[in-house]
């Protein structure tokens, strides 16, 4: 096959799969080295961006997924008669921040940072697919460890955890405060870049939109 045919094959696989597809799986399907497939994916992603299409390809760690472009979310929502989920609470956003910046973490660690019981919030975030169990800590009782998911990356439009904004250096108490407020800063940035009636106006809404199936 030519390079163009390989790229067309990748499009067909991603479109048919719907869910994220591992780079290794794509390479096996095309019988190509992973580096070669990644190069073709990069070309495809650039082509979508240059042509300003309604769909694009995103990377989530070592997986790739074909998705609709965010700016067309209102039209997609209207056509599919989608309703918005209830935005995450402030408590949920704080727990999500603690997990994202310190993972893998135990429930006890999260509760130590926030100073309150977090069982219900962790359960809710797990149900929404934003965090998941990452094994157990080798200590008495073997407590569960939690970390973020690829769904979390998709919600925040990042390809890996390396793209999370850095925590400013300060004293321990300051670090905790900054950590819990980082998502609030992203919320302010999002609101500044969009009108109040846009679907993707806040971080909470970005999460809600992704949960609904963007």
Protein backbone atom coordinates (compact mmCIF):
# COMPACT_ATOMS: atom_id res chain seq x y z
CA UNK A 1 0.00 0.00 0.00
CA UNK A 2 1.03 3.61 -0.54
CA UNK A 3 1.37 6.05 2.38
CA UNK A 4 -1.96 7.61 1.42
CA UNK A 5 -3.62 4.18 1.54
CA UNK A 6 -2.09 3.54 4.96
CA UNK A 7 -3.55 6.82 6.21
CA UNK A 8 -6.93 5.92 4.75
CA UNK A 9 -6.72 2.56 6.52
CA UNK A 10 -6.00 4.31 9.81
CA UNK A 11 -9.04 6.56 9.28
CA UNK A 12 -11.22 3.53 8.57
CA UNK A 13 -10.04 1.73 11.71
CA UNK A 14 -10.50 4.73 14.00
CA UNK A 15 -13.90 5.58 12.52
CA UNK A 16 -15.11 1.98 12.90
CA UNK A 17 -13.74 1.57 16.41
CA UNK A 18 -15.28 4.71 17.88
CA UNK A 19 -13.31 4.19 21.09
CA UNK A 20 -9.56 4.91 21.44
CA UNK A 21 -7.32 2.42 19.61
CA UNK A 22 -3.87 1.50 20.90
CA UNK A 23 -0.91 2.43 18.68
CA UNK A 24 0.39 -1.13 18.96
CA UNK A 25 -2.92 -2.49 17.72
CA UNK A 26 -2.88 -0.14 14.75
CA UNK A 27 0.67 -1.18 13.90
CA UNK A 28 -0.26 -4.86 14.05
CA UNK A 29 -3.29 -4.29 11.82
CA UNK A 30 -1.26 -2.45 9.20
CA UNK A 31 1.82 -4.67 9.61
CA UNK A 32 4.00 -1.61 10.08
CA UNK A 33 6.43 -0.49 12.79
CA UNK A 34 4.82 1.68 15.46
CA UNK A 35 7.04 4.64 14.55
CA UNK A 36 5.81 4.50 10.95
CA UNK A 37 2.16 4.41 12.04
CA UNK A 38 2.73 7.30 14.43
CA UNK A 39 4.26 9.33 11.58
CA UNK A 40 1.19 8.70 9.41
CA UNK A 41 -1.08 9.65 12.32
CA UNK A 42 0.80 12.92 12.77
CA UNK A 43 0.29 13.71 9.07
CA UNK A 44 -3.43 12.92 9.35
CA UNK A 45 -3.85 15.08 12.45
CA UNK A 46 -2.13 18.00 10.74
CA UNK A 47 -4.30 17.59 7.64
CA UNK A 48 -7.49 17.73 9.71
CA UNK A 49 -6.25 20.86 11.48
CA UNK A 50 -5.28 22.63 8.24
CA UNK A 51 -8.57 21.81 6.50
CA UNK A 52 -10.67 22.96 9.48
CA UNK A 53 -12.81 19.82 9.32
CA UNK A 54 -15.65 18.86 11.65
CA UNK A 55 -13.78 15.78 12.86
CA UNK A 56 -10.24 15.28 14.06
CA UNK A 57 -7.95 12.67 15.62
CA UNK A 58 -6.68 13.05 19.17
CA UNK A 59 -3.95 11.22 21.08
CA UNK A 60 -4.60 9.89 24.58
CA UNK A 61 -1.30 8.52 25.92
CA UNK A 62 -0.54 5.67 23.49
CA UNK A 63 -4.04 5.51 22.00
CA UNK A 64 -5.76 7.47 19.23
CA UNK A 65 -9.41 8.32 18.70
CA UNK A 66 -11.49 10.02 16.03
CA UNK A 67 -13.77 12.67 17.55
CA UNK A 68 -15.89 15.67 16.58
CA UNK A 69 -14.33 19.12 16.87
CA UNK A 70 -15.34 20.94 20.05
CA UNK A 71 -16.55 24.15 18.43
CA UNK A 72 -19.31 22.19 16.72
CA UNK A 73 -20.56 20.69 20.01
CA UNK A 74 -23.72 22.89 20.09
CA UNK A 75 -24.76 21.67 16.62
CA UNK A 76 -23.98 18.05 17.48
CA UNK A 77 -25.90 18.34 20.73
CA UNK A 78 -28.93 19.82 18.98
CA UNK A 79 -28.94 17.26 16.16
CA UNK A 80 -28.64 14.33 18.57
CA UNK A 81 -30.97 15.88 21.16
CA UNK A 82 -28.33 15.53 23.87
CA UNK A 83 -28.87 16.94 27.32
CA UNK A 84 -26.06 18.21 29.49
CA UNK A 85 -25.18 16.28 32.65
CA UNK A 86 -25.03 18.10 35.96
CA UNK A 87 -21.58 19.75 36.26
CA UNK A 88 -19.15 18.33 38.80
CA UNK A 89 -19.31 19.82 42.28
CA UNK A 90 -16.45 21.82 43.76
CA UNK A 91 -15.66 18.82 45.99
CA UNK A 92 -15.40 16.56 42.95
CA UNK A 93 -13.13 19.04 41.16
CA UNK A 94 -10.85 19.21 44.21
CA UNK A 95 -10.62 15.42 44.51
CA UNK A 96 -9.93 15.17 40.79
CA UNK A 97 -7.10 17.70 41.14
CA UNK A 98 -5.54 15.82 44.06
CA UNK A 99 -5.64 12.53 42.16
CA UNK A 100 -4.38 14.02 38.89
CA UNK A 101 -1.32 15.66 40.42
CA UNK A 102 -0.35 12.92 42.87
CA UNK A 103 -1.42 9.63 41.29
CA UNK A 104 -1.49 6.84 42.08
CA UNK A 105 -3.02 7.75 45.44
CA UNK A 106 -5.13 6.09 48.11
CA UNK A 107 -8.46 7.34 49.37
CA UNK A 108 -6.76 8.07 52.71
CA UNK A 109 -4.26 10.37 50.99
CA UNK A 110 -7.03 12.31 49.26
CA UNK A 111 -8.91 12.64 52.55
CA UNK A 112 -5.76 13.80 54.32
CA UNK A 113 -5.30 16.58 51.75
CA UNK A 114 -8.94 17.70 51.80
CA UNK A 115 -9.63 17.03 55.48
CA UNK A 116 -13.01 15.34 54.87
CA UNK A 117 -14.38 11.93 53.89
CA UNK A 118 -14.17 11.43 50.13
CA UNK A 119 -15.73 7.99 49.66
CA UNK A 120 -18.81 9.26 47.85
CA UNK A 121 -16.91 11.66 45.60
CA UNK A 122 -14.35 9.02 44.61
CA UNK A 123 -17.18 6.62 43.83
CA UNK A 124 -18.89 9.22 41.67
CA UNK A 125 -15.70 10.08 39.74
CA UNK A 126 -15.08 6.37 39.19
CA UNK A 127 -18.61 5.90 37.85
CA UNK A 128 -18.12 8.81 35.46
CA UNK A 129 -14.91 7.20 34.18
CA UNK A 130 -12.65 10.08 35.22
CA UNK A 131 -10.62 8.03 37.71
CA UNK A 132 -10.07 4.30 38.07
CA UNK A 133 -8.39 1.72 40.32
CA UNK A 134 -4.68 1.38 39.60
CA UNK A 135 -3.87 -1.58 41.83
CA UNK A 136 -3.21 -1.80 45.57
CA UNK A 137 -0.59 -0.36 47.89
CA UNK A 138 1.65 -2.98 49.48
CA UNK A 139 0.80 -2.03 53.05
CA UNK A 140 -1.40 -3.63 55.72
CA UNK A 141 -4.93 -3.77 54.39
CA UNK A 142 -3.64 -3.27 50.84
CA UNK A 143 -5.62 -0.06 50.17
CA UNK A 144 -6.73 0.68 46.61
CA UNK A 145 -4.76 3.12 44.49
CA UNK A 146 -6.53 5.57 42.18
CA UNK A 147 -5.43 7.44 39.06
CA UNK A 148 -6.97 9.32 36.16
CA UNK A 149 -8.18 7.68 32.94
CA UNK A 150 -7.87 8.36 29.22
CA UNK A 151 -11.39 9.77 29.50
CA UNK A 152 -9.99 12.39 31.87
CA UNK A 153 -7.39 13.36 29.26
CA UNK A 154 -10.07 13.65 26.58
CA UNK A 155 -12.22 15.85 28.83
CA UNK A 156 -9.38 18.30 29.38
CA UNK A 157 -8.16 18.16 25.77
CA UNK A 158 -4.67 16.96 26.66
CA UNK A 159 -2.71 14.02 25.26
CA UNK A 160 -0.89 13.03 28.46
CA UNK A 161 -0.51 14.04 32.10
CA UNK A 162 2.71 15.83 31.16
CA UNK A 163 0.53 18.58 29.68
CA UNK A 164 -1.12 19.44 33.00
CA UNK A 165 -0.17 22.96 34.15
CA UNK A 166 2.74 22.89 36.64
CA UNK A 167 2.17 23.52 40.33
CA UNK A 168 3.95 26.74 41.42
CA UNK A 169 6.72 26.09 43.95
CA UNK A 170 6.06 27.34 47.46
CA UNK A 171 5.72 25.96 50.97
CA UNK A 172 3.79 22.73 51.60
CA UNK A 173 0.55 24.47 52.59
CA UNK A 174 0.84 26.77 49.62
CA UNK A 175 1.41 23.82 47.31
CA UNK A 176 -1.76 22.19 48.49
CA UNK A 177 -3.76 25.35 48.02
CA UNK A 178 -2.34 25.91 44.55
CA UNK A 179 -3.00 22.29 43.66
CA UNK A 180 -6.64 22.50 44.62
CA UNK A 181 -7.10 25.80 42.77
CA UNK A 182 -5.41 24.89 39.47
CA UNK A 183 -8.61 23.70 37.86
CA UNK A 184 -10.31 26.93 38.98
CA UNK A 185 -7.64 28.85 37.04
CA UNK A 186 -8.37 26.75 33.95
CA UNK A 187 -12.04 27.50 34.47
CA UNK A 188 -11.32 31.24 34.43
CA UNK A 189 -9.24 30.89 31.26
CA UNK A 190 -11.99 28.90 29.57
CA UNK A 191 -14.61 31.47 30.51
CA UNK A 192 -12.42 34.29 29.21
CA UNK A 193 -12.05 32.58 25.83
CA UNK A 194 -15.75 31.91 25.22
CA UNK A 195 -19.19 33.48 25.49
CA UNK A 196 -21.35 32.64 28.50
CA UNK A 197 -23.77 30.60 26.39
CA UNK A 198 -21.16 28.34 24.78
CA UNK A 199 -21.25 24.64 25.65
CA UNK A 200 -17.58 24.46 26.55
CA UNK A 201 -17.48 27.57 28.76
CA UNK A 202 -16.04 26.06 31.96
CA UNK A 203 -13.92 23.13 33.01
CA UNK A 204 -16.94 21.52 34.64
CA UNK A 205 -18.86 21.81 31.36
CA UNK A 206 -15.96 20.37 29.39
CA UNK A 207 -16.10 17.29 31.61
CA UNK A 208 -19.88 17.11 31.32
CA UNK A 209 -19.74 17.37 27.53
CA UNK A 210 -17.18 14.60 27.26
CA UNK A 211 -19.17 12.35 29.59
CA UNK A 212 -22.19 12.78 27.33
CA UNK A 213 -20.21 11.35 24.42
CA UNK A 214 -18.48 14.13 22.48
